[in-house]
N, C-alpha and C. Protein backbone atom coordinates (compact mmCIF):
# COMPACT_ATOMS: atom_id res chain seq x y z
N MET A 1 80.89 26.74 72.08
CA MET A 1 79.65 26.17 71.38
C MET A 1 79.21 27.03 70.27
N ILE A 2 78.58 26.33 69.41
CA ILE A 2 77.99 27.06 68.16
C ILE A 2 76.47 27.08 68.35
N ASP A 3 75.90 28.16 68.36
CA ASP A 3 74.43 28.35 68.55
C ASP A 3 73.74 28.52 67.00
N VAL A 4 72.81 27.67 66.77
CA VAL A 4 72.11 27.74 65.64
C VAL A 4 70.55 28.12 65.95
N LYS A 5 70.22 29.39 65.59
CA LYS A 5 68.94 29.90 65.87
C LYS A 5 68.02 29.91 64.47
N TYR A 6 66.82 29.36 64.53
CA TYR A 6 65.90 29.31 63.48
C TYR A 6 65.13 30.52 63.47
N LEU A 7 65.11 31.25 62.42
CA LEU A 7 64.49 32.56 62.27
C LEU A 7 63.11 32.47 61.44
N GLY A 8 62.93 31.31 60.78
CA GLY A 8 61.90 31.13 59.98
C GLY A 8 62.10 30.80 58.62
N HIS A 9 61.32 29.99 57.78
CA HIS A 9 61.57 29.57 56.40
C HIS A 9 62.92 28.91 56.22
N SER A 10 63.84 29.60 55.56
CA SER A 10 65.12 28.96 55.45
C SER A 10 66.21 29.91 56.12
N CYS A 11 65.76 30.74 57.00
CA CYS A 11 66.68 31.59 57.56
C CYS A 11 67.26 31.06 58.94
N PHE A 12 68.52 31.11 59.08
CA PHE A 12 69.14 30.59 60.39
C PHE A 12 70.22 31.69 60.73
N GLN A 13 70.44 31.90 62.00
CA GLN A 13 71.59 32.56 62.47
C GLN A 13 72.47 31.69 63.20
N ILE A 14 73.60 31.53 62.66
CA ILE A 14 74.65 30.72 63.34
C ILE A 14 75.78 31.64 64.18
N THR A 15 75.63 31.39 65.26
CA THR A 15 76.73 32.19 66.17
C THR A 15 77.87 31.46 66.63
N ALA A 16 79.01 31.76 66.36
CA ALA A 16 80.36 30.95 66.76
C ALA A 16 81.10 32.08 67.47
N GLY A 17 81.22 32.21 68.70
CA GLY A 17 81.99 33.40 69.42
C GLY A 17 81.32 34.65 68.86
N ALA A 18 82.27 35.60 68.27
CA ALA A 18 81.91 36.95 67.93
C ALA A 18 81.15 36.85 66.49
N VAL A 19 81.27 35.65 65.64
CA VAL A 19 80.97 35.54 64.36
C VAL A 19 79.44 35.27 64.30
N ARG A 20 78.84 35.86 63.36
CA ARG A 20 77.37 35.69 63.16
C ARG A 20 77.19 35.44 61.66
N ILE A 21 76.64 34.42 61.33
CA ILE A 21 76.20 33.92 59.97
C ILE A 21 74.83 33.97 59.89
N LEU A 22 74.36 34.46 58.75
CA LEU A 22 72.95 34.42 58.26
C LEU A 22 72.70 33.67 57.07
N THR A 23 71.57 32.59 57.07
CA THR A 23 71.28 31.98 55.68
C THR A 23 70.01 32.58 55.24
N ASP A 24 70.02 32.83 53.95
CA ASP A 24 68.74 33.29 53.22
C ASP A 24 67.87 34.07 54.06
N PRO A 25 68.13 35.38 54.38
CA PRO A 25 67.38 36.08 55.28
C PRO A 25 66.12 36.79 54.93
N PHE A 26 65.15 35.82 54.59
CA PHE A 26 63.72 36.37 54.24
C PHE A 26 63.01 36.56 55.61
N LEU A 27 62.98 37.78 56.03
CA LEU A 27 62.20 38.09 57.03
C LEU A 27 61.11 39.15 56.98
N THR A 28 61.32 40.18 56.18
CA THR A 28 60.30 41.14 55.76
C THR A 28 59.31 40.43 54.84
N GLY A 29 58.10 40.33 55.39
CA GLY A 29 57.08 39.67 54.45
C GLY A 29 56.78 38.19 54.89
N ASN A 30 57.67 37.73 55.72
CA ASN A 30 57.51 36.36 56.20
C ASN A 30 56.72 36.38 57.45
N PRO A 31 55.38 35.83 57.40
CA PRO A 31 54.51 36.00 58.53
C PRO A 31 55.02 35.26 59.78
N TYR A 32 56.08 34.31 59.71
CA TYR A 32 56.42 33.49 60.70
C TYR A 32 57.69 33.75 61.12
N ALA A 33 58.40 34.97 60.69
CA ALA A 33 59.71 35.33 61.11
C ALA A 33 59.77 35.57 62.52
N ALA A 34 60.86 35.23 63.13
CA ALA A 34 61.15 35.42 64.52
C ALA A 34 61.54 36.72 64.96
N VAL A 35 62.22 37.56 64.12
CA VAL A 35 62.63 38.77 64.39
C VAL A 35 62.36 39.63 63.00
N THR A 36 62.56 40.90 63.32
CA THR A 36 62.50 41.90 61.96
C THR A 36 64.06 41.93 61.52
N ALA A 37 64.14 42.44 60.33
CA ALA A 37 65.48 42.54 59.72
C ALA A 37 66.37 43.50 60.54
N ASP A 38 65.73 44.59 60.96
CA ASP A 38 66.53 45.52 61.51
C ASP A 38 67.08 45.17 62.93
N LYS A 39 66.71 44.02 63.33
CA LYS A 39 67.19 43.53 64.69
C LYS A 39 68.28 42.33 64.56
N VAL A 40 68.60 42.04 63.36
CA VAL A 40 69.57 40.91 63.11
C VAL A 40 71.00 41.54 62.85
N ASP A 41 71.82 40.82 63.48
CA ASP A 41 73.44 41.22 63.25
C ASP A 41 73.96 40.09 62.28
N ALA A 42 74.78 40.43 61.64
CA ALA A 42 75.62 39.49 60.64
C ALA A 42 76.93 39.93 60.27
N ASN A 43 77.97 39.01 60.17
CA ASN A 43 79.30 39.26 59.71
C ASN A 43 79.35 38.60 58.19
N TYR A 44 78.45 37.64 57.94
CA TYR A 44 78.46 36.97 56.72
C TYR A 44 76.92 36.51 56.51
N ILE A 45 76.58 36.78 55.18
CA ILE A 45 75.16 36.31 54.76
C ILE A 45 75.31 35.39 53.47
N LEU A 46 74.88 34.22 53.68
CA LEU A 46 74.92 33.10 52.75
C LEU A 46 73.63 33.23 51.98
N VAL A 47 73.61 33.30 50.65
CA VAL A 47 72.43 33.32 49.74
C VAL A 47 72.38 32.29 48.78
N SER A 48 71.50 31.35 49.02
CA SER A 48 71.44 30.10 48.09
C SER A 48 71.19 30.32 46.65
N HIS A 49 70.15 31.20 46.54
CA HIS A 49 69.78 31.40 45.10
C HIS A 49 68.99 32.74 45.10
N GLY A 50 68.59 33.18 43.93
CA GLY A 50 67.95 34.46 43.69
C GLY A 50 66.52 34.64 43.85
N HIS A 51 65.80 33.64 44.47
CA HIS A 51 64.26 33.77 44.71
C HIS A 51 64.05 34.75 45.89
N SER A 52 62.97 35.40 45.71
CA SER A 52 62.75 36.61 46.65
C SER A 52 62.67 36.06 48.03
N ASP A 53 62.14 34.83 48.30
CA ASP A 53 62.05 34.33 49.60
C ASP A 53 63.28 33.79 50.20
N HIS A 54 64.52 34.01 49.40
CA HIS A 54 65.77 33.58 49.94
C HIS A 54 66.77 34.74 49.90
N VAL A 55 66.61 35.69 48.81
CA VAL A 55 67.40 36.81 48.89
C VAL A 55 66.94 37.74 50.07
N GLY A 56 65.54 37.80 50.17
CA GLY A 56 64.80 38.56 51.33
C GLY A 56 65.54 40.01 51.61
N ASP A 57 66.06 40.01 52.79
CA ASP A 57 66.52 41.34 53.33
C ASP A 57 68.00 41.39 53.36
N THR A 58 68.62 40.63 52.31
CA THR A 58 70.08 40.56 52.39
C THR A 58 70.78 42.07 52.22
N GLU A 59 70.20 42.76 51.20
CA GLU A 59 70.71 43.95 50.92
C GLU A 59 70.67 45.07 52.05
N SER A 60 69.54 45.00 52.81
CA SER A 60 69.37 46.10 53.83
C SER A 60 70.13 45.63 55.04
N ILE A 61 70.26 44.26 55.33
CA ILE A 61 71.16 43.92 56.50
C ILE A 61 72.68 44.05 56.12
N ALA A 62 72.99 43.77 54.92
CA ALA A 62 74.40 43.81 54.49
C ALA A 62 74.83 45.44 54.61
N LYS A 63 74.00 46.29 54.13
CA LYS A 63 74.24 47.67 54.17
C LYS A 63 74.29 48.19 55.63
N ARG A 64 73.55 47.76 56.49
CA ARG A 64 73.50 48.21 57.91
C ARG A 64 74.65 47.66 58.64
N THR A 65 74.98 46.35 58.34
CA THR A 65 76.01 45.71 59.25
C THR A 65 77.51 45.55 58.60
N GLY A 66 77.53 45.93 57.28
CA GLY A 66 78.76 45.71 56.72
C GLY A 66 79.01 44.13 56.45
N ALA A 67 78.04 43.27 56.50
CA ALA A 67 78.28 41.83 56.27
C ALA A 67 78.71 41.59 54.80
N THR A 68 79.49 40.43 54.82
CA THR A 68 79.99 40.00 53.54
C THR A 68 79.03 39.05 52.93
N ILE A 69 78.61 39.12 51.79
CA ILE A 69 77.64 38.24 51.03
C ILE A 69 78.29 37.09 50.30
N ILE A 70 77.90 35.89 50.60
CA ILE A 70 78.67 34.70 49.87
C ILE A 70 77.64 34.09 49.09
N GLY A 71 77.79 33.75 47.90
CA GLY A 71 77.02 32.88 46.90
C GLY A 71 77.77 32.76 45.67
N SER A 72 76.96 32.17 44.81
CA SER A 72 77.65 31.98 43.42
C SER A 72 77.91 33.15 42.73
N ILE A 73 79.05 33.23 41.97
CA ILE A 73 79.57 34.37 41.50
C ILE A 73 78.64 35.04 40.49
N ASP A 74 77.69 34.36 39.72
CA ASP A 74 76.83 35.02 38.90
C ASP A 74 75.66 35.59 39.63
N LEU A 75 75.32 34.83 40.67
CA LEU A 75 74.25 35.53 41.65
C LEU A 75 74.73 36.85 42.31
N THR A 76 75.91 36.67 42.94
CA THR A 76 76.29 37.92 43.61
C THR A 76 76.73 39.05 42.60
N GLY A 77 77.05 38.77 41.54
CA GLY A 77 77.43 39.74 40.53
C GLY A 77 76.16 40.45 40.02
N ALA A 78 75.11 39.74 39.95
CA ALA A 78 73.94 40.16 39.28
C ALA A 78 73.08 40.98 40.42
N LEU A 79 73.02 40.57 41.68
CA LEU A 79 72.20 41.16 42.57
C LEU A 79 72.90 42.10 43.61
N PHE A 80 73.99 42.00 43.86
CA PHE A 80 74.80 42.68 44.98
C PHE A 80 75.94 43.48 44.46
N LYS A 81 75.86 44.25 43.34
CA LYS A 81 76.99 44.82 42.69
C LYS A 81 77.74 45.85 43.59
N ASN A 82 76.93 46.47 44.41
CA ASN A 82 77.57 47.65 45.20
C ASN A 82 77.69 47.34 46.74
N LEU A 83 77.76 45.97 46.98
CA LEU A 83 77.89 45.50 48.31
C LEU A 83 79.21 44.66 48.43
N ASN A 84 79.58 44.33 49.70
CA ASN A 84 80.68 43.53 49.85
C ASN A 84 80.40 42.09 49.85
N THR A 85 81.02 41.47 48.72
CA THR A 85 80.71 40.09 48.21
C THR A 85 81.87 39.24 48.20
N LEU A 86 81.72 37.93 48.43
CA LEU A 86 82.74 36.92 48.25
C LEU A 86 82.31 35.87 47.30
N PRO A 87 82.37 36.10 46.07
CA PRO A 87 81.81 35.15 45.09
C PRO A 87 82.63 34.00 44.91
N CYS A 88 82.02 32.85 44.68
CA CYS A 88 82.48 31.52 44.53
C CYS A 88 81.70 30.61 43.68
N ASN A 89 81.88 29.37 43.60
CA ASN A 89 80.85 28.57 42.75
C ASN A 89 80.97 27.19 43.29
N ILE A 90 79.99 26.38 42.86
CA ILE A 90 79.81 24.94 43.12
C ILE A 90 81.10 24.14 43.20
N GLY A 91 81.20 23.50 44.31
CA GLY A 91 82.52 22.78 44.46
C GLY A 91 83.61 23.52 45.00
N GLY A 92 83.40 24.78 45.06
CA GLY A 92 84.61 25.73 45.50
C GLY A 92 84.54 25.82 46.99
N ARG A 93 85.71 25.96 47.61
CA ARG A 93 86.01 26.06 49.06
C ARG A 93 86.52 27.32 49.27
N VAL A 94 86.22 28.20 50.27
CA VAL A 94 86.78 29.49 50.63
C VAL A 94 87.13 29.53 52.03
N SER A 95 88.37 29.85 52.37
CA SER A 95 88.87 29.98 53.72
C SER A 95 88.36 31.20 54.32
N LEU A 96 87.95 31.38 55.58
CA LEU A 96 87.44 32.50 56.19
C LEU A 96 88.05 32.41 57.67
N PRO A 97 87.98 33.70 58.48
CA PRO A 97 88.59 33.73 59.61
C PRO A 97 88.00 32.65 60.69
N PHE A 98 86.73 32.23 60.47
CA PHE A 98 86.20 31.30 61.39
C PHE A 98 86.35 29.86 61.01
N GLY A 99 86.73 29.64 59.72
CA GLY A 99 86.84 28.26 59.23
C GLY A 99 86.88 28.28 57.61
N ALA A 100 85.78 27.77 57.04
CA ALA A 100 85.73 27.59 55.62
C ALA A 100 84.26 27.56 55.28
N ILE A 101 83.91 27.72 53.93
CA ILE A 101 82.55 27.47 53.24
C ILE A 101 82.96 26.75 52.01
N LYS A 102 82.10 25.89 51.88
CA LYS A 102 82.09 25.11 50.51
C LYS A 102 80.67 25.11 49.79
N LEU A 103 80.57 25.41 48.50
CA LEU A 103 79.25 25.54 47.82
C LEU A 103 78.98 24.21 47.26
N THR A 104 77.78 23.58 47.56
CA THR A 104 77.30 22.36 47.14
C THR A 104 76.18 22.35 46.02
N PRO A 105 75.98 21.59 45.17
CA PRO A 105 74.95 21.61 44.24
C PRO A 105 73.53 21.58 44.87
N ALA A 106 72.70 22.29 44.39
CA ALA A 106 71.19 22.45 44.73
C ALA A 106 70.41 22.16 43.41
N ILE A 107 69.57 21.18 43.37
CA ILE A 107 68.79 21.01 42.18
C ILE A 107 67.52 21.84 42.20
N HIS A 108 67.67 23.13 41.58
CA HIS A 108 66.54 24.08 41.88
C HIS A 108 66.89 25.21 40.84
N GLY A 109 65.82 25.95 40.48
CA GLY A 109 66.00 27.19 39.63
C GLY A 109 66.90 28.35 40.53
N SER A 110 67.64 29.02 39.80
CA SER A 110 68.45 30.08 40.46
C SER A 110 67.76 31.36 40.77
N GLY A 111 66.90 31.61 39.83
CA GLY A 111 66.16 32.99 39.91
C GLY A 111 66.95 34.05 39.28
N VAL A 112 68.24 33.82 38.76
CA VAL A 112 68.94 34.77 38.10
C VAL A 112 69.65 33.95 36.82
N PRO A 113 69.30 34.63 35.69
CA PRO A 113 69.78 33.87 34.43
C PRO A 113 71.39 33.64 34.50
N GLY A 114 71.68 32.32 34.20
CA GLY A 114 73.20 32.03 34.09
C GLY A 114 73.65 31.61 35.55
N ALA A 115 73.02 31.91 36.49
CA ALA A 115 73.47 31.51 37.88
C ALA A 115 73.07 30.19 38.34
N LEU A 116 73.69 29.61 39.33
CA LEU A 116 73.27 28.29 39.82
C LEU A 116 72.79 28.36 41.27
N ALA A 117 71.86 27.57 41.58
CA ALA A 117 71.49 27.52 42.93
C ALA A 117 72.49 26.62 43.78
N SER A 118 72.60 26.95 45.05
CA SER A 118 73.61 26.10 45.73
C SER A 118 73.10 25.82 47.25
N GLY A 119 73.81 24.78 47.71
CA GLY A 119 73.78 24.78 49.30
C GLY A 119 75.24 25.18 49.74
N PHE A 120 75.43 25.08 51.09
CA PHE A 120 76.61 25.46 51.59
C PHE A 120 77.10 24.42 52.87
N ILE A 121 78.31 24.05 52.84
CA ILE A 121 78.91 23.17 54.05
C ILE A 121 79.82 24.17 54.79
N LEU A 122 79.43 24.57 56.03
CA LEU A 122 80.21 25.33 56.90
C LEU A 122 81.02 24.65 57.71
N SER A 123 82.24 24.87 57.72
CA SER A 123 83.38 24.31 58.65
C SER A 123 83.70 25.37 59.69
N ILE A 124 83.33 25.31 60.88
CA ILE A 124 83.45 26.31 61.82
C ILE A 124 84.35 25.85 63.06
N ARG A 125 85.25 26.62 63.43
CA ARG A 125 86.06 26.27 64.65
C ARG A 125 85.36 26.88 65.80
N ASP A 126 85.17 25.83 66.63
CA ASP A 126 84.47 25.99 67.94
C ASP A 126 85.69 26.43 68.93
N GLU A 127 85.92 27.71 69.24
CA GLU A 127 86.94 28.05 70.05
C GLU A 127 86.97 27.73 71.37
N GLU A 128 85.56 27.55 71.98
CA GLU A 128 85.37 27.15 73.25
C GLU A 128 85.71 25.68 73.52
N SER A 129 85.81 24.91 72.39
CA SER A 129 86.12 23.44 72.52
C SER A 129 87.54 23.08 71.95
N ALA A 130 88.41 24.01 72.29
CA ALA A 130 89.88 23.82 71.82
C ALA A 130 89.98 23.88 70.29
N GLY A 131 89.10 24.67 69.64
CA GLY A 131 89.27 24.78 68.19
C GLY A 131 88.65 23.58 67.30
N ILE A 132 87.92 22.75 67.92
CA ILE A 132 87.40 21.69 67.11
C ILE A 132 86.54 22.15 66.08
N VAL A 133 86.57 21.67 64.92
CA VAL A 133 85.73 22.14 63.82
C VAL A 133 84.47 21.33 63.63
N LYS A 134 83.36 22.07 63.63
CA LYS A 134 82.00 21.64 63.60
C LYS A 134 81.64 21.87 62.07
N LYS A 135 80.87 20.96 61.53
CA LYS A 135 80.51 20.96 60.11
C LYS A 135 78.83 21.04 60.18
N ILE A 136 78.43 22.03 59.34
CA ILE A 136 76.98 22.26 59.04
C ILE A 136 76.67 22.33 57.68
N TYR A 137 75.59 21.64 57.38
CA TYR A 137 75.19 21.62 55.93
C TYR A 137 73.86 22.39 55.84
N PHE A 138 73.82 23.39 55.15
CA PHE A 138 72.72 24.14 54.63
C PHE A 138 72.24 23.83 53.27
N ALA A 139 71.23 23.14 52.96
CA ALA A 139 70.95 22.46 51.67
C ALA A 139 70.37 23.43 50.67
N GLY A 140 69.92 24.75 51.16
CA GLY A 140 69.17 25.52 50.24
C GLY A 140 67.84 24.93 49.75
N ASP A 141 67.40 25.33 48.68
CA ASP A 141 66.27 24.82 48.02
C ASP A 141 66.80 23.67 47.07
N THR A 142 66.39 22.44 47.26
CA THR A 142 66.89 21.43 46.41
C THR A 142 65.83 20.22 46.44
N ALA A 143 66.05 19.50 45.33
CA ALA A 143 65.38 18.26 45.11
C ALA A 143 66.29 17.15 45.75
N LEU A 144 65.73 15.88 45.93
CA LEU A 144 66.55 14.83 46.31
C LEU A 144 67.59 14.44 45.20
N THR A 145 68.71 14.15 45.54
CA THR A 145 69.89 13.74 44.53
C THR A 145 70.69 12.67 45.15
N LYS A 146 71.00 11.67 44.41
CA LYS A 146 71.98 10.57 44.71
C LYS A 146 73.35 11.20 45.09
N ASP A 147 73.73 12.21 44.71
CA ASP A 147 74.91 13.00 45.15
C ASP A 147 75.06 13.25 46.63
N MET A 148 73.90 13.26 47.22
CA MET A 148 73.65 13.54 48.77
C MET A 148 74.46 12.38 49.56
N GLU A 149 74.65 11.25 48.83
CA GLU A 149 75.39 10.04 49.57
C GLU A 149 76.80 10.51 49.87
N LEU A 150 77.47 11.44 48.98
CA LEU A 150 78.76 11.90 49.16
C LEU A 150 78.92 12.64 50.48
N LEU A 151 77.77 13.28 50.83
CA LEU A 151 77.98 14.26 52.05
C LEU A 151 78.13 13.37 53.24
N ALA A 152 77.89 12.11 53.21
CA ALA A 152 78.18 11.25 54.53
C ALA A 152 79.69 11.29 54.89
N GLU A 153 80.45 11.51 53.77
CA GLU A 153 82.06 11.56 54.04
C GLU A 153 82.36 12.80 54.66
N GLU A 154 81.54 13.81 54.89
CA GLU A 154 81.86 14.99 55.57
C GLU A 154 81.67 14.88 56.97
N HIS A 155 80.91 13.81 57.51
CA HIS A 155 80.72 13.61 58.98
C HIS A 155 80.20 14.91 59.60
N LEU A 156 79.00 15.37 59.06
CA LEU A 156 78.48 16.54 59.43
C LEU A 156 77.70 16.56 60.82
N ASP A 157 77.84 17.61 61.56
CA ASP A 157 77.24 17.73 62.75
C ASP A 157 75.93 18.01 62.70
N LEU A 158 75.49 18.76 61.65
CA LEU A 158 74.07 19.34 61.61
C LEU A 158 73.74 19.52 60.13
N ALA A 159 72.55 19.11 59.70
CA ALA A 159 72.06 19.31 58.36
C ALA A 159 70.69 20.07 58.29
N MET A 160 70.45 21.11 57.50
CA MET A 160 69.26 21.68 57.39
C MET A 160 68.69 21.40 56.06
N LEU A 161 67.41 20.70 55.97
CA LEU A 161 66.95 20.24 54.79
C LEU A 161 65.54 20.77 54.63
N PRO A 162 65.22 21.21 53.37
CA PRO A 162 63.78 21.71 53.03
C PRO A 162 62.93 20.61 52.99
N ILE A 163 61.60 20.74 53.42
CA ILE A 163 60.65 19.65 53.53
C ILE A 163 59.28 20.23 52.82
N GLY A 164 59.27 21.33 52.32
CA GLY A 164 58.02 22.03 51.95
C GLY A 164 57.25 21.35 50.73
N ASP A 165 58.02 20.52 49.89
CA ASP A 165 57.38 19.91 48.70
C ASP A 165 56.98 21.17 47.75
N VAL A 166 56.37 20.66 46.57
CA VAL A 166 55.98 21.48 45.48
C VAL A 166 57.19 22.21 44.87
N PHE A 167 58.13 22.85 45.56
CA PHE A 167 59.23 23.60 44.97
C PHE A 167 60.57 22.99 45.38
N THR A 168 60.46 21.95 46.36
CA THR A 168 61.78 21.41 46.82
C THR A 168 61.33 19.90 47.16
N MET A 169 62.23 19.29 47.78
CA MET A 169 61.91 18.01 48.39
C MET A 169 60.64 18.11 49.31
N GLY A 170 59.93 17.07 49.32
CA GLY A 170 58.89 16.89 50.44
C GLY A 170 59.26 15.97 51.55
N ALA A 171 58.59 15.85 52.47
CA ALA A 171 59.05 15.01 53.63
C ALA A 171 59.53 13.62 53.42
N ALA A 172 59.12 12.92 52.52
CA ALA A 172 59.48 11.55 52.25
C ALA A 172 60.95 11.55 51.55
N ASP A 173 61.11 12.41 50.48
CA ASP A 173 62.44 12.55 49.99
C ASP A 173 63.34 13.25 50.79
N ALA A 174 63.01 14.24 51.60
CA ALA A 174 64.10 14.78 52.61
C ALA A 174 64.43 13.76 53.59
N ALA A 175 63.51 12.77 54.06
CA ALA A 175 63.92 11.77 54.98
C ALA A 175 64.91 10.75 54.39
N ARG A 176 64.69 10.64 53.04
CA ARG A 176 65.61 9.78 52.38
C ARG A 176 67.02 10.49 52.30
N ALA A 177 67.02 11.87 51.95
CA ALA A 177 68.20 12.55 51.93
C ALA A 177 68.88 12.49 53.30
N ALA A 178 68.14 12.79 54.36
CA ALA A 178 68.69 12.55 55.71
C ALA A 178 69.44 11.35 55.95
N LYS A 179 68.81 10.28 55.64
CA LYS A 179 69.53 8.87 55.71
C LYS A 179 70.74 8.96 54.96
N MET A 180 70.70 9.36 53.69
CA MET A 180 72.01 9.34 53.00
C MET A 180 73.25 10.24 53.60
N ILE A 181 72.70 11.27 54.08
CA ILE A 181 73.70 12.31 54.56
C ILE A 181 74.27 11.85 55.92
N GLY A 182 73.51 11.40 56.87
CA GLY A 182 73.89 10.75 58.07
C GLY A 182 74.51 11.85 59.01
N ALA A 183 73.92 13.06 59.07
CA ALA A 183 74.39 13.95 60.03
C ALA A 183 74.03 13.62 61.42
N ALA A 184 74.85 14.18 62.45
CA ALA A 184 74.57 13.89 63.89
C ALA A 184 73.10 14.38 64.28
N MET A 185 72.65 15.43 63.50
CA MET A 185 71.38 16.05 63.76
C MET A 185 70.79 16.76 62.52
N THR A 186 69.53 16.57 62.30
CA THR A 186 68.97 17.09 61.06
C THR A 186 67.64 17.91 61.55
N ILE A 187 67.57 19.16 60.74
CA ILE A 187 66.58 20.22 61.26
C ILE A 187 65.79 20.39 59.73
N PRO A 188 64.49 20.29 59.66
CA PRO A 188 63.70 20.65 58.63
C PRO A 188 63.59 22.23 58.45
N MET A 189 63.41 22.62 57.33
CA MET A 189 63.22 24.04 57.04
C MET A 189 62.42 24.19 55.71
N HIS A 190 62.15 25.37 55.39
CA HIS A 190 61.42 25.70 54.12
C HIS A 190 59.94 24.96 54.22
N TYR A 191 59.12 25.26 55.04
CA TYR A 191 57.73 24.64 55.07
C TYR A 191 56.96 25.84 55.80
N HIS A 192 55.74 25.52 55.70
CA HIS A 192 54.64 26.38 56.42
C HIS A 192 54.41 27.91 56.13
N THR A 193 55.48 28.39 55.45
CA THR A 193 55.42 29.91 55.31
C THR A 193 54.30 30.33 54.42
N PHE A 194 54.04 29.61 53.41
CA PHE A 194 53.05 29.95 52.34
C PHE A 194 51.99 28.63 52.24
N PRO A 195 50.88 28.86 51.79
CA PRO A 195 49.87 27.75 51.67
C PRO A 195 50.41 26.62 50.80
N PHE A 196 51.14 26.81 49.78
CA PHE A 196 51.66 25.82 48.91
C PHE A 196 52.68 24.67 49.54
N ILE A 197 53.32 25.32 50.63
CA ILE A 197 54.25 24.45 51.32
C ILE A 197 53.90 24.23 52.72
N ASP A 198 52.67 24.35 53.09
CA ASP A 198 52.32 24.25 54.40
C ASP A 198 52.33 22.84 54.82
N GLN A 199 53.50 22.40 55.33
CA GLN A 199 53.67 21.00 55.77
C GLN A 199 53.83 20.87 57.21
N ASP A 200 53.52 19.57 57.75
CA ASP A 200 53.59 19.25 59.14
C ASP A 200 54.99 18.82 59.34
N PRO A 201 55.91 19.33 60.07
CA PRO A 201 57.25 18.69 60.18
C PRO A 201 57.14 17.38 61.00
N LYS A 202 56.15 17.08 61.60
CA LYS A 202 56.05 15.92 62.42
C LYS A 202 56.11 14.66 61.44
N LEU A 203 55.53 14.83 60.31
CA LEU A 203 55.70 13.70 59.31
C LEU A 203 57.26 13.43 59.07
N PHE A 204 57.85 14.47 58.68
CA PHE A 204 59.26 14.35 58.37
C PHE A 204 60.07 13.69 59.66
N CYS A 205 59.70 14.29 60.64
CA CYS A 205 60.46 13.79 61.97
C CYS A 205 60.06 12.23 62.22
N ASN A 206 58.89 11.86 61.96
CA ASN A 206 58.59 10.43 62.15
C ASN A 206 59.18 9.57 61.13
N LEU A 207 59.25 9.99 59.85
CA LEU A 207 59.91 9.32 59.01
C LEU A 207 61.49 9.02 59.22
N CYS A 208 62.11 10.21 59.79
CA CYS A 208 63.52 9.98 60.09
C CYS A 208 63.61 8.99 61.38
N GLN A 209 62.78 9.19 62.32
CA GLN A 209 62.97 8.39 63.57
C GLN A 209 62.73 6.98 63.16
N ARG A 210 62.00 6.70 62.31
CA ARG A 210 61.89 5.30 61.88
C ARG A 210 63.11 4.63 61.34
N ASN A 211 64.04 5.40 60.92
CA ASN A 211 65.33 4.98 60.39
C ASN A 211 66.43 5.34 61.47
N SER A 212 66.05 5.69 62.64
CA SER A 212 67.02 5.94 63.75
C SER A 212 67.71 7.22 63.38
N ILE A 213 67.26 8.18 62.69
CA ILE A 213 68.01 9.46 62.29
C ILE A 213 67.76 10.45 63.27
N PRO A 214 68.72 11.14 63.96
CA PRO A 214 68.44 12.11 64.83
C PRO A 214 68.01 13.31 64.20
N VAL A 215 66.86 13.75 64.70
CA VAL A 215 66.06 14.86 64.02
C VAL A 215 65.29 15.71 65.14
N THR A 216 65.23 17.15 64.86
CA THR A 216 64.44 17.88 65.54
C THR A 216 63.89 18.97 64.75
N ALA A 217 62.59 19.32 64.97
CA ALA A 217 61.94 20.51 64.36
C ALA A 217 62.07 21.71 65.26
N LEU A 218 62.41 22.81 64.82
CA LEU A 218 62.46 24.18 65.67
C LEU A 218 61.36 25.06 65.17
N ASP A 219 60.73 25.49 66.14
CA ASP A 219 59.73 26.73 65.93
C ASP A 219 60.53 27.96 65.63
N PRO A 220 60.12 28.97 64.73
CA PRO A 220 60.99 30.16 64.65
C PRO A 220 61.23 30.78 66.04
N GLY A 221 62.53 31.15 66.31
CA GLY A 221 62.94 31.63 67.58
C GLY A 221 63.64 30.65 68.37
N ASP A 222 63.54 29.36 68.18
CA ASP A 222 64.22 28.32 68.82
C ASP A 222 65.66 28.14 68.34
N SER A 223 66.50 27.58 69.21
CA SER A 223 67.95 27.47 68.97
C SER A 223 68.28 25.87 69.17
N ILE A 224 69.33 25.56 68.80
CA ILE A 224 70.10 24.23 69.04
C ILE A 224 71.50 24.45 69.06
N THR A 225 72.22 23.75 69.97
CA THR A 225 73.54 24.01 70.20
C THR A 225 74.33 22.82 69.38
N VAL A 226 75.35 23.10 68.63
CA VAL A 226 76.14 22.22 67.88
C VAL A 226 77.42 21.91 68.58
């Protein structure tokens, strides 16, 4: 089984056997972080873009753990020159020991001149289930886009979508995105951390449930099994 633990904001720890994957590890300075950066293990760190609430503790965690940082080539080249990186770009798919990662478009500023913001589709082999591949979509920071309809063809097991509004989709647009994507389960993220994005996830969950979209909101520290 694959364990997905919400650490707060847009940070998740995805555990598949001995492999641990972190997304956008903004922990230091996050008042709702479930753990401190020095307590987190990682083999891979996915960084969606260069804003400080997404780069977060990437450098310190990568130095301590030896984790490989994955993100767009311009982003990793600008921010993580002296660390172990695996640069790629939008639409590209890279094979990894646990499966593969593909970068998806995210409609958002990158925080780094010339770089692109991205999301990620993770294809992870669940060795406990005879190697069945599970697919997880981490949207990063993004607006609603019609291209999300294409994600339905991925037959996703889990989607993490921002709902904070102001800088990303709000609850209504995120619910529309969830309907387009059609994942087996959807989790909201990127809300409540700062006053500007202090949203109640119940609104998003209610909008999804009206359209029979499976959804659950996790408190920091909570987990879900995929």
